[in-house]
Amino acid sequence: MSVKEIQEAMEKGNVCFGIRQALKYANRSADPKFKGVKLSNIFIAKDTREETVEKLESAGIEFIVLKSKESIAKELNLDFECEVFSLVSKGAPSVKAKK
């Protein structure tokens, strides 16, 4: 379980970023639009805010702690820092932008 696993999921389009996405997919298992979409792993940065960790724990979501946000962003070649990375077993459904 490592940053390499996140990188592979990013290449397949099977990663979601942020606490909101993690909670969304964890709570939508009964929604037909999300049928077949399951969280396989949740990774968090070691310097994740305490409130974020508490939200994951209160939702009953297990997670793996990795490096700092800055280190993860550098390794994944991201132009932003993220605290929570959710790997999904199937590509997340696309959402059309509202006009």
N, C-alpha and C. Protein backbone atom coordinates (compact mmCIF):
# COMPACT_ATOMS: atom_id res chain seq x y z
N MET A 1 0.84 -1.17 0.00
CA MET A 1 0.00 0.00 0.00
C MET A 1 0.90 1.24 0.00
N SER A 2 0.82 1.96 -1.08
CA SER A 2 1.73 3.09 -1.16
C SER A 2 1.24 4.12 -2.16
N VAL A 3 2.07 5.11 -2.35
CA VAL A 3 1.79 6.14 -3.33
C VAL A 3 1.74 5.52 -4.72
N LYS A 4 2.50 4.47 -4.93
CA LYS A 4 2.50 3.78 -6.23
C LYS A 4 1.12 3.25 -6.56
N GLU A 5 0.43 2.75 -5.57
CA GLU A 5 -0.93 2.24 -5.76
C GLU A 5 -1.88 3.36 -6.17
N ILE A 6 -1.71 4.54 -5.59
CA ILE A 6 -2.52 5.70 -5.96
C ILE A 6 -2.22 6.09 -7.40
N GLN A 7 -0.93 6.10 -7.76
CA GLN A 7 -0.51 6.45 -9.12
C GLN A 7 -1.15 5.52 -10.15
N GLU A 8 -1.14 4.22 -9.88
CA GLU A 8 -1.75 3.25 -10.79
C GLU A 8 -3.25 3.49 -10.92
N ALA A 9 -3.91 3.79 -9.81
CA ALA A 9 -5.35 4.06 -9.84
C ALA A 9 -5.64 5.34 -10.62
N MET A 10 -4.76 6.34 -10.50
CA MET A 10 -4.94 7.59 -11.25
C MET A 10 -4.88 7.32 -12.75
N GLU A 11 -3.97 6.45 -13.17
CA GLU A 11 -3.84 6.12 -14.59
C GLU A 11 -5.09 5.43 -15.13
N LYS A 12 -5.76 4.67 -14.26
CA LYS A 12 -6.98 3.97 -14.66
C LYS A 12 -8.23 4.83 -14.45
N GLY A 13 -8.08 5.97 -13.80
CA GLY A 13 -9.24 6.82 -13.51
C GLY A 13 -10.04 6.33 -12.33
N ASN A 14 -9.41 5.59 -11.43
CA ASN A 14 -10.11 5.00 -10.29
C ASN A 14 -9.71 5.61 -8.96
N VAL A 15 -9.44 6.90 -8.95
CA VAL A 15 -9.10 7.57 -7.69
C VAL A 15 -9.93 8.84 -7.55
N CYS A 16 -10.38 9.09 -6.32
CA CYS A 16 -11.11 10.30 -6.01
C CYS A 16 -10.32 11.05 -4.95
N PHE A 17 -10.36 12.36 -5.01
CA PHE A 17 -9.59 13.19 -4.10
C PHE A 17 -10.49 13.89 -3.10
N GLY A 18 -10.08 13.90 -1.84
CA GLY A 18 -10.75 14.68 -0.81
C GLY A 18 -11.70 13.91 0.08
N ILE A 19 -11.97 14.51 1.22
CA ILE A 19 -12.83 13.89 2.23
C ILE A 19 -14.27 13.79 1.74
N ARG A 20 -14.74 14.79 1.01
CA ARG A 20 -16.13 14.77 0.54
C ARG A 20 -16.37 13.58 -0.39
N GLN A 21 -15.43 13.30 -1.27
CA GLN A 21 -15.59 12.17 -2.19
C GLN A 21 -15.55 10.84 -1.43
N ALA A 22 -14.67 10.74 -0.45
CA ALA A 22 -14.58 9.51 0.35
C ALA A 22 -15.90 9.24 1.06
N LEU A 23 -16.45 10.27 1.68
CA LEU A 23 -17.71 10.10 2.39
C LEU A 23 -18.86 9.84 1.43
N LYS A 24 -18.83 10.48 0.28
CA LYS A 24 -19.88 10.31 -0.72
C LYS A 24 -19.96 8.86 -1.18
N TYR A 25 -18.83 8.28 -1.55
CA TYR A 25 -18.83 6.91 -2.04
C TYR A 25 -19.06 5.90 -0.94
N ALA A 26 -18.64 6.21 0.27
CA ALA A 26 -18.87 5.30 1.39
C ALA A 26 -20.35 5.22 1.74
N ASN A 27 -21.07 6.33 1.55
CA ASN A 27 -22.48 6.40 1.94
C ASN A 27 -23.45 6.11 0.80
N ARG A 28 -22.97 5.87 -0.40
CA ARG A 28 -23.87 5.72 -1.55
C ARG A 28 -23.98 4.29 -2.07
N SER A 29 -23.61 3.32 -1.28
CA SER A 29 -23.61 1.95 -1.77
C SER A 29 -24.99 1.47 -2.22
N ALA A 30 -26.06 2.03 -1.65
CA ALA A 30 -27.42 1.62 -2.02
C ALA A 30 -27.97 2.39 -3.22
N ASP A 31 -27.32 3.45 -3.63
CA ASP A 31 -27.77 4.28 -4.75
C ASP A 31 -27.53 3.54 -6.06
N PRO A 32 -28.57 3.33 -6.88
CA PRO A 32 -28.40 2.59 -8.14
C PRO A 32 -27.41 3.25 -9.10
N LYS A 33 -27.27 4.56 -9.04
CA LYS A 33 -26.33 5.27 -9.90
C LYS A 33 -24.89 4.85 -9.60
N PHE A 34 -24.66 4.41 -8.37
CA PHE A 34 -23.33 4.02 -7.93
C PHE A 34 -23.17 2.50 -7.84
N LYS A 35 -24.05 1.76 -8.50
CA LYS A 35 -23.99 0.30 -8.45
C LYS A 35 -22.64 -0.18 -9.01
N GLY A 36 -21.98 -1.02 -8.27
CA GLY A 36 -20.70 -1.57 -8.70
C GLY A 36 -19.51 -0.72 -8.31
N VAL A 37 -19.77 0.49 -7.79
CA VAL A 37 -18.67 1.36 -7.37
C VAL A 37 -18.45 1.14 -5.88
N LYS A 38 -17.27 0.65 -5.54
CA LYS A 38 -16.94 0.39 -4.14
C LYS A 38 -15.58 0.98 -3.82
N LEU A 39 -15.45 1.48 -2.61
CA LEU A 39 -14.15 1.96 -2.16
C LEU A 39 -13.28 0.76 -1.85
N SER A 40 -12.10 0.71 -2.44
CA SER A 40 -11.21 -0.40 -2.13
C SER A 40 -10.20 -0.01 -1.07
N ASN A 41 -9.70 1.20 -1.11
CA ASN A 41 -8.75 1.69 -0.12
C ASN A 41 -8.89 3.19 0.05
N ILE A 42 -8.63 3.64 1.26
CA ILE A 42 -8.58 5.07 1.55
C ILE A 42 -7.19 5.34 2.12
N PHE A 43 -6.53 6.33 1.56
CA PHE A 43 -5.22 6.75 2.04
C PHE A 43 -5.32 8.19 2.51
N ILE A 44 -4.64 8.49 3.61
CA ILE A 44 -4.60 9.87 4.08
C ILE A 44 -3.13 10.28 4.29
N ALA A 45 -2.89 11.57 4.23
CA ALA A 45 -1.56 12.11 4.50
C ALA A 45 -1.33 12.13 6.01
N LYS A 46 -0.07 12.02 6.42
CA LYS A 46 0.21 11.99 7.86
C LYS A 46 -0.07 13.33 8.52
N ASP A 47 -0.10 14.41 7.74
CA ASP A 47 -0.41 15.72 8.30
C ASP A 47 -1.84 16.17 8.01
N THR A 48 -2.73 15.20 7.91
CA THR A 48 -4.15 15.47 7.69
C THR A 48 -4.74 16.14 8.94
N ARG A 49 -5.64 17.09 8.72
CA ARG A 49 -6.28 17.78 9.83
C ARG A 49 -7.05 16.80 10.71
N GLU A 50 -7.09 17.07 11.99
CA GLU A 50 -7.76 16.20 12.95
C GLU A 50 -9.27 16.07 12.64
N GLU A 51 -9.90 17.17 12.20
CA GLU A 51 -11.33 17.12 11.88
C GLU A 51 -11.61 16.12 10.75
N THR A 52 -10.70 16.06 9.79
CA THR A 52 -10.86 15.14 8.67
C THR A 52 -10.76 13.70 9.15
N VAL A 53 -9.79 13.42 10.00
CA VAL A 53 -9.62 12.07 10.55
C VAL A 53 -10.85 11.69 11.35
N GLU A 54 -11.38 12.61 12.14
CA GLU A 54 -12.58 12.34 12.94
C GLU A 54 -13.78 12.02 12.06
N LYS A 55 -13.93 12.74 10.93
CA LYS A 55 -15.04 12.47 10.01
C LYS A 55 -14.95 11.07 9.43
N LEU A 56 -13.75 10.66 9.05
CA LEU A 56 -13.56 9.31 8.51
C LEU A 56 -13.86 8.27 9.57
N GLU A 57 -13.34 8.48 10.77
CA GLU A 57 -13.57 7.51 11.86
C GLU A 57 -15.04 7.43 12.23
N SER A 58 -15.74 8.56 12.29
CA SER A 58 -17.16 8.54 12.67
C SER A 58 -18.01 7.88 11.59
N ALA A 59 -17.55 7.89 10.34
CA ALA A 59 -18.26 7.21 9.26
C ALA A 59 -17.89 5.73 9.19
N GLY A 60 -16.97 5.30 10.04
CA GLY A 60 -16.56 3.90 10.06
C GLY A 60 -15.66 3.53 8.90
N ILE A 61 -14.95 4.50 8.35
CA ILE A 61 -14.07 4.26 7.21
C ILE A 61 -12.66 4.01 7.70
N GLU A 62 -12.10 2.87 7.30
CA GLU A 62 -10.72 2.55 7.65
C GLU A 62 -9.80 3.19 6.62
N PHE A 63 -8.62 3.61 7.06
CA PHE A 63 -7.70 4.29 6.17
C PHE A 63 -6.26 3.92 6.50
N ILE A 64 -5.38 4.21 5.56
CA ILE A 64 -3.95 3.95 5.70
C ILE A 64 -3.24 5.30 5.66
N VAL A 65 -2.34 5.53 6.60
CA VAL A 65 -1.61 6.80 6.69
C VAL A 65 -0.33 6.70 5.86
N LEU A 66 -0.12 7.71 5.02
CA LEU A 66 1.07 7.78 4.17
C LEU A 66 1.96 8.93 4.61
N LYS A 67 2.68 9.50 3.66
CA LYS A 67 3.62 10.60 3.90
C LYS A 67 2.87 11.92 4.04
N SER A 68 3.63 13.01 4.07
CA SER A 68 3.03 14.33 4.16
C SER A 68 2.33 14.70 2.85
N LYS A 69 1.42 15.66 2.93
CA LYS A 69 0.69 16.12 1.74
C LYS A 69 1.65 16.59 0.66
N GLU A 70 2.65 17.34 1.07
CA GLU A 70 3.62 17.87 0.12
C GLU A 70 4.39 16.76 -0.60
N SER A 71 4.82 15.76 0.15
CA SER A 71 5.56 14.64 -0.45
C SER A 71 4.70 13.84 -1.42
N ILE A 72 3.47 13.61 -1.03
CA ILE A 72 2.55 12.85 -1.90
C ILE A 72 2.30 13.62 -3.19
N ALA A 73 2.03 14.92 -3.06
CA ALA A 73 1.77 15.74 -4.25
C ALA A 73 2.96 15.73 -5.19
N LYS A 74 4.16 15.78 -4.62
CA LYS A 74 5.37 15.77 -5.43
C LYS A 74 5.53 14.44 -6.17
N GLU A 75 5.35 13.33 -5.44
CA GLU A 75 5.50 12.00 -6.04
C GLU A 75 4.46 11.72 -7.12
N LEU A 76 3.24 12.23 -6.92
CA LEU A 76 2.17 12.00 -7.89
C LEU A 76 2.14 13.06 -8.99
N ASN A 77 3.05 14.02 -8.88
CA ASN A 77 3.14 15.11 -9.86
C ASN A 77 1.83 15.89 -9.94
N LEU A 78 1.28 16.21 -8.77
CA LEU A 78 0.04 16.98 -8.69
C LEU A 78 0.38 18.45 -8.48
N ASP A 79 -0.46 19.32 -8.97
CA ASP A 79 -0.25 20.74 -8.74
C ASP A 79 -1.10 21.25 -7.57
N PHE A 80 -1.55 20.32 -6.73
CA PHE A 80 -2.30 20.65 -5.53
C PHE A 80 -1.98 19.62 -4.46
N GLU A 81 -2.26 19.97 -3.22
CA GLU A 81 -2.09 19.04 -2.11
C GLU A 81 -3.44 18.49 -1.72
N CYS A 82 -3.46 17.23 -1.31
CA CYS A 82 -4.70 16.56 -0.94
C CYS A 82 -4.46 15.75 0.32
N GLU A 83 -5.47 15.69 1.18
CA GLU A 83 -5.35 14.93 2.42
C GLU A 83 -5.87 13.50 2.28
N VAL A 84 -6.89 13.31 1.45
CA VAL A 84 -7.56 12.01 1.37
C VAL A 84 -7.61 11.54 -0.08
N PHE A 85 -7.20 10.29 -0.30
CA PHE A 85 -7.25 9.67 -1.62
C PHE A 85 -8.09 8.40 -1.50
N SER A 86 -9.14 8.30 -2.31
CA SER A 86 -10.03 7.14 -2.28
C SER A 86 -9.85 6.35 -3.57
N LEU A 87 -9.54 5.08 -3.42
CA LEU A 87 -9.44 4.21 -4.59
C LEU A 87 -10.76 3.48 -4.73
N VAL A 88 -11.33 3.53 -5.91
CA VAL A 88 -12.60 2.87 -6.16
C VAL A 88 -12.38 1.65 -7.04
N SER A 89 -13.22 0.64 -6.84
CA SER A 89 -13.05 -0.61 -7.58
C SER A 89 -13.47 -0.48 -9.04
N LYS A 90 -14.26 0.53 -9.34
CA LYS A 90 -14.75 0.76 -10.69
C LYS A 90 -14.78 2.27 -10.89
N GLY A 91 -14.60 2.73 -12.09
CA GLY A 91 -14.60 4.18 -12.35
C GLY A 91 -15.83 4.86 -11.80
N ALA A 92 -15.63 5.99 -11.18
CA ALA A 92 -16.74 6.75 -10.61
C ALA A 92 -17.63 7.26 -11.73
N PRO A 93 -18.93 7.28 -11.49
CA PRO A 93 -19.83 7.77 -12.53
C PRO A 93 -19.55 9.22 -12.87
N SER A 94 -19.63 9.53 -14.14
CA SER A 94 -19.37 10.91 -14.53
C SER A 94 -20.58 11.77 -14.20
N VAL A 95 -20.31 12.98 -13.84
CA VAL A 95 -21.37 13.93 -13.51
C VAL A 95 -21.31 15.06 -14.51
N LYS A 96 -22.42 15.33 -15.16
CA LYS A 96 -22.46 16.40 -16.15
C LYS A 96 -22.53 17.75 -15.45
N ALA A 97 -21.81 18.70 -15.96
CA ALA A 97 -21.82 20.04 -15.39
C ALA A 97 -23.17 20.70 -15.62
N LYS A 98 -23.65 21.38 -14.59
CA LYS A 98 -24.93 22.09 -14.70
C LYS A 98 -24.66 23.45 -15.33
N LYS A 99 -25.58 23.89 -16.16
CA LYS A 99 -25.44 25.20 -16.80
C LYS A 99 -26.28 26.22 -16.11
